């Protein structure tokens, strides 16, 4: 059993043996749950990550449509692409 320490910002580091056995890598999502006083972290596959990101977009209103036809959708894509291209880029 590996022990980990909770840091000042409530961060923990997963030991390499635990990461390797669970197949967890940088950027992977883990679902955190508390069950009967125990914290469990469950790796989520990339498909679930994409679904989670899509649901977050919906929640924040970052969506287009619905569209009555494919042509209407393509026109919307072109319109929004032009608008985004004209917008000044932020430095990241």
N, C-alpha and C. Protein backbone atom coordinates (compact mmCIF):
# COMPACT_ATOMS: atom_id res chain seq x y z
N UNK A 1 0.85 -1.18 0.00
CA UNK A 1 0.00 0.00 0.00
C UNK A 1 0.89 1.23 0.00
N UNK A 2 0.59 2.17 -0.91
CA UNK A 2 1.36 3.40 -1.00
C UNK A 2 0.67 4.50 -0.21
N UNK A 3 1.44 5.27 0.53
CA UNK A 3 0.90 6.40 1.27
C UNK A 3 1.25 7.69 0.52
N UNK A 4 0.31 8.63 0.51
CA UNK A 4 0.55 9.92 -0.12
C UNK A 4 0.21 11.01 0.88
N UNK A 5 0.85 12.15 0.72
CA UNK A 5 0.65 13.27 1.63
C UNK A 5 -0.17 14.35 0.93
N UNK A 6 -1.12 14.94 1.65
CA UNK A 6 -1.92 16.04 1.12
C UNK A 6 -1.10 17.32 1.30
N UNK A 7 -0.86 18.02 0.20
CA UNK A 7 -0.05 19.24 0.22
C UNK A 7 -0.90 20.44 0.65
N UNK A 8 -0.26 21.60 0.74
CA UNK A 8 -0.94 22.80 1.25
C UNK A 8 -2.14 23.22 0.40
N UNK A 9 -2.12 22.94 -0.88
CA UNK A 9 -3.26 23.28 -1.76
C UNK A 9 -4.11 22.04 -2.03
N UNK A 10 -4.11 21.10 -1.13
CA UNK A 10 -4.90 19.87 -1.19
C UNK A 10 -4.56 19.02 -2.41
N UNK A 11 -3.31 19.08 -2.83
CA UNK A 11 -2.87 18.27 -3.96
C UNK A 11 -2.20 17.01 -3.43
N UNK A 12 -2.35 15.92 -4.19
CA UNK A 12 -1.66 14.68 -3.87
C UNK A 12 -0.94 14.20 -5.13
N UNK A 13 0.14 13.49 -4.95
CA UNK A 13 0.88 12.92 -6.06
C UNK A 13 0.68 11.41 -6.02
N UNK A 14 0.23 10.85 -7.14
CA UNK A 14 0.06 9.41 -7.20
C UNK A 14 1.42 8.76 -7.42
N UNK A 15 1.79 7.79 -6.59
CA UNK A 15 3.07 7.11 -6.78
C UNK A 15 3.12 6.43 -8.14
N UNK A 16 4.30 6.33 -8.71
CA UNK A 16 4.45 5.76 -10.05
C UNK A 16 3.92 4.33 -10.12
N UNK A 17 4.08 3.55 -9.07
CA UNK A 17 3.56 2.18 -9.11
C UNK A 17 2.05 2.17 -9.25
N UNK A 18 1.37 3.09 -8.56
CA UNK A 18 -0.09 3.18 -8.64
C UNK A 18 -0.49 3.68 -10.02
N UNK A 19 0.18 4.73 -10.52
CA UNK A 19 -0.12 5.27 -11.86
C UNK A 19 0.03 4.21 -12.93
N UNK A 20 1.13 3.47 -12.86
CA UNK A 20 1.40 2.45 -13.88
C UNK A 20 0.36 1.33 -13.84
N UNK A 21 0.02 0.87 -12.65
CA UNK A 21 -0.96 -0.21 -12.54
C UNK A 21 -2.34 0.22 -13.00
N UNK A 22 -2.69 1.49 -12.78
CA UNK A 22 -4.00 2.00 -13.19
C UNK A 22 -3.99 2.49 -14.63
N UNK A 23 -2.81 2.63 -15.23
CA UNK A 23 -2.72 3.12 -16.61
C UNK A 23 -3.06 4.59 -16.73
N UNK A 24 -2.71 5.37 -15.72
CA UNK A 24 -3.01 6.80 -15.71
C UNK A 24 -1.82 7.58 -16.23
N UNK A 25 -2.10 8.53 -17.13
CA UNK A 25 -1.05 9.36 -17.68
C UNK A 25 -1.40 10.84 -17.55
N UNK A 26 -0.47 11.69 -17.94
CA UNK A 26 -0.67 13.14 -17.88
C UNK A 26 -1.86 13.53 -18.74
N UNK A 27 -2.75 14.34 -18.20
CA UNK A 27 -3.92 14.82 -18.92
C UNK A 27 -5.13 13.91 -18.81
N UNK A 28 -4.98 12.73 -18.23
CA UNK A 28 -6.12 11.83 -18.05
C UNK A 28 -7.08 12.40 -17.01
N UNK A 29 -8.35 12.07 -17.16
CA UNK A 29 -9.35 12.48 -16.19
C UNK A 29 -9.61 11.35 -15.21
N UNK A 30 -9.77 11.72 -13.94
CA UNK A 30 -10.12 10.76 -12.90
C UNK A 30 -11.42 11.23 -12.27
N UNK A 31 -12.34 10.30 -12.07
CA UNK A 31 -13.57 10.62 -11.36
C UNK A 31 -13.31 10.43 -9.86
N UNK A 32 -13.59 11.45 -9.06
CA UNK A 32 -13.38 11.39 -7.62
C UNK A 32 -14.71 11.22 -6.91
N UNK A 33 -14.78 10.23 -6.04
CA UNK A 33 -16.01 9.97 -5.27
C UNK A 33 -15.63 9.68 -3.83
N UNK A 34 -16.58 9.99 -2.93
CA UNK A 34 -16.43 9.61 -1.53
C UNK A 34 -17.49 8.57 -1.24
N UNK A 35 -17.05 7.41 -0.80
CA UNK A 35 -17.96 6.30 -0.48
C UNK A 35 -17.61 5.77 0.90
N UNK A 36 -18.55 5.90 1.83
CA UNK A 36 -18.35 5.42 3.19
C UNK A 36 -17.03 5.90 3.79
N UNK A 37 -16.75 7.19 3.61
CA UNK A 37 -15.54 7.78 4.19
C UNK A 37 -14.26 7.49 3.42
N UNK A 38 -14.35 6.84 2.28
CA UNK A 38 -13.17 6.54 1.46
C UNK A 38 -13.22 7.34 0.16
N UNK A 39 -12.08 7.84 -0.24
CA UNK A 39 -11.98 8.57 -1.50
C UNK A 39 -11.53 7.58 -2.57
N UNK A 40 -12.27 7.51 -3.66
CA UNK A 40 -11.86 6.64 -4.77
C UNK A 40 -11.66 7.49 -6.01
N UNK A 41 -10.61 7.21 -6.75
CA UNK A 41 -10.31 7.86 -8.02
C UNK A 41 -10.41 6.80 -9.11
N UNK A 42 -11.27 7.04 -10.10
CA UNK A 42 -11.48 6.08 -11.17
C UNK A 42 -11.10 6.72 -12.50
N UNK A 43 -10.13 6.14 -13.23
CA UNK A 43 -9.76 6.69 -14.54
C UNK A 43 -10.95 6.64 -15.49
N UNK A 44 -11.10 7.70 -16.27
CA UNK A 44 -12.16 7.77 -17.28
C UNK A 44 -11.51 7.71 -18.66
N UNK A 45 -12.05 6.86 -19.54
CA UNK A 45 -11.47 6.74 -20.88
C UNK A 45 -11.64 8.03 -21.68
N UNK A 46 -10.81 8.22 -22.73
CA UNK A 46 -10.86 9.44 -23.53
C UNK A 46 -12.24 9.76 -24.09
N UNK A 47 -13.04 8.76 -24.43
CA UNK A 47 -14.37 9.02 -24.97
C UNK A 47 -15.21 9.75 -23.92
N UNK A 48 -15.13 9.31 -22.67
CA UNK A 48 -15.88 9.97 -21.61
C UNK A 48 -15.37 11.39 -21.39
N UNK A 49 -14.06 11.61 -21.59
CA UNK A 49 -13.50 12.96 -21.47
C UNK A 49 -14.11 13.88 -22.51
N UNK A 50 -14.21 13.39 -23.76
CA UNK A 50 -14.81 14.19 -24.83
C UNK A 50 -16.27 14.50 -24.52
N UNK A 51 -16.99 13.53 -23.99
CA UNK A 51 -18.39 13.76 -23.62
C UNK A 51 -18.47 14.81 -22.52
N UNK A 52 -17.58 14.71 -21.52
CA UNK A 52 -17.58 15.67 -20.41
C UNK A 52 -17.29 17.08 -20.92
N UNK A 53 -16.34 17.21 -21.85
CA UNK A 53 -16.02 18.52 -22.42
C UNK A 53 -17.20 19.06 -23.23
N UNK A 54 -17.87 18.19 -23.97
CA UNK A 54 -19.03 18.61 -24.75
C UNK A 54 -20.17 19.07 -23.85
N UNK A 55 -20.39 18.35 -22.76
CA UNK A 55 -21.44 18.75 -21.82
C UNK A 55 -21.11 20.09 -21.16
N UNK A 56 -19.83 20.32 -20.90
CA UNK A 56 -19.40 21.61 -20.34
C UNK A 56 -19.68 22.74 -21.33
N UNK A 57 -19.41 22.49 -22.63
CA UNK A 57 -19.72 23.48 -23.66
C UNK A 57 -21.21 23.79 -23.68
N UNK A 58 -22.03 22.75 -23.59
CA UNK A 58 -23.48 22.97 -23.57
C UNK A 58 -23.89 23.80 -22.37
N UNK A 59 -23.34 23.47 -21.20
CA UNK A 59 -23.70 24.18 -19.98
C UNK A 59 -23.33 25.65 -20.07
N UNK A 60 -22.21 25.97 -20.71
CA UNK A 60 -21.75 27.35 -20.83
C UNK A 60 -22.32 28.07 -22.06
N UNK A 61 -23.15 27.38 -22.82
CA UNK A 61 -23.79 28.01 -23.97
C UNK A 61 -22.89 28.13 -25.19
N UNK A 62 -21.83 27.37 -25.26
CA UNK A 62 -20.91 27.42 -26.41
C UNK A 62 -21.36 26.43 -27.48
N UNK A 63 -22.52 26.69 -28.06
CA UNK A 63 -23.09 25.79 -29.06
C UNK A 63 -23.69 26.61 -30.20
N UNK A 64 -23.90 25.96 -31.33
CA UNK A 64 -24.57 26.55 -32.48
C UNK A 64 -25.70 25.61 -32.88
N UNK A 65 -26.73 26.16 -33.48
CA UNK A 65 -27.83 25.31 -33.95
C UNK A 65 -29.01 25.39 -33.00
N UNK A 66 -29.99 24.59 -33.21
CA UNK A 66 -30.10 23.50 -34.18
C UNK A 66 -30.30 24.04 -35.60
N UNK A 67 -30.02 23.19 -36.56
CA UNK A 67 -30.09 23.58 -37.96
C UNK A 67 -31.17 22.78 -38.66
N UNK A 68 -31.85 23.42 -39.62
CA UNK A 68 -32.91 22.75 -40.37
C UNK A 68 -32.35 21.88 -41.49
N UNK A 69 -31.10 22.18 -41.91
CA UNK A 69 -30.50 21.41 -43.00
C UNK A 69 -28.98 21.45 -42.87
N UNK A 70 -28.32 20.59 -43.62
CA UNK A 70 -26.86 20.57 -43.64
C UNK A 70 -26.33 21.86 -44.26
N UNK A 71 -27.01 22.38 -45.27
CA UNK A 71 -26.58 23.63 -45.89
C UNK A 71 -26.61 24.78 -44.89
N UNK A 72 -27.65 24.83 -44.08
CA UNK A 72 -27.75 25.86 -43.05
C UNK A 72 -26.59 25.74 -42.04
N UNK A 73 -26.23 24.52 -41.71
CA UNK A 73 -25.12 24.31 -40.78
C UNK A 73 -23.79 24.78 -41.41
N UNK A 74 -23.58 24.47 -42.67
CA UNK A 74 -22.34 24.88 -43.34
C UNK A 74 -22.25 26.40 -43.42
N UNK A 75 -23.37 27.06 -43.74
CA UNK A 75 -23.37 28.54 -43.77
C UNK A 75 -23.01 29.10 -42.40
N UNK A 76 -23.55 28.51 -41.36
CA UNK A 76 -23.24 28.96 -40.00
C UNK A 76 -21.76 28.77 -39.69
N UNK A 77 -21.20 27.64 -40.08
CA UNK A 77 -19.77 27.40 -39.85
C UNK A 77 -18.92 28.45 -40.55
N UNK A 78 -19.25 28.75 -41.80
CA UNK A 78 -18.47 29.76 -42.54
C UNK A 78 -18.61 31.14 -41.90
N UNK A 79 -19.83 31.49 -41.51
CA UNK A 79 -20.07 32.79 -40.88
C UNK A 79 -19.26 32.92 -39.58
N UNK A 80 -19.29 31.90 -38.77
CA UNK A 80 -18.57 31.94 -37.50
C UNK A 80 -17.06 31.87 -37.69
N UNK A 81 -16.61 31.16 -38.71
CA UNK A 81 -15.17 31.10 -38.98
C UNK A 81 -14.64 32.48 -39.37
N UNK A 82 -15.40 33.20 -40.19
CA UNK A 82 -14.99 34.55 -40.58
C UNK A 82 -14.94 35.47 -39.36
N UNK A 83 -15.95 35.35 -38.51
CA UNK A 83 -16.02 36.20 -37.31
C UNK A 83 -14.85 35.88 -36.38
N UNK A 84 -14.54 34.62 -36.19
CA UNK A 84 -13.43 34.25 -35.31
C UNK A 84 -12.08 34.67 -35.89
N UNK A 85 -11.95 34.60 -37.22
CA UNK A 85 -10.69 35.00 -37.87
C UNK A 85 -10.46 36.51 -37.73
N UNK A 86 -11.53 37.28 -37.70
CA UNK A 86 -11.41 38.74 -37.59
C UNK A 86 -11.11 39.20 -36.17
N UNK A 87 -11.38 38.34 -35.20
CA UNK A 87 -11.19 38.70 -33.79
C UNK A 87 -9.70 38.67 -33.44
N UNK A 88 -9.22 39.67 -32.66
CA UNK A 88 -7.80 39.65 -32.26
C UNK A 88 -7.52 38.46 -31.35
N UNK A 89 -6.40 37.84 -31.55
CA UNK A 89 -6.03 36.67 -30.75
C UNK A 89 -5.42 37.08 -29.43
N UNK A 90 -5.75 36.32 -28.39
CA UNK A 90 -5.13 36.59 -27.08
C UNK A 90 -3.85 35.79 -26.98
N UNK A 91 -2.91 36.30 -26.23
CA UNK A 91 -1.63 35.60 -26.05
C UNK A 91 -1.79 34.59 -24.93
N UNK A 92 -1.46 33.33 -25.24
CA UNK A 92 -1.58 32.27 -24.23
C UNK A 92 -0.26 31.72 -23.87
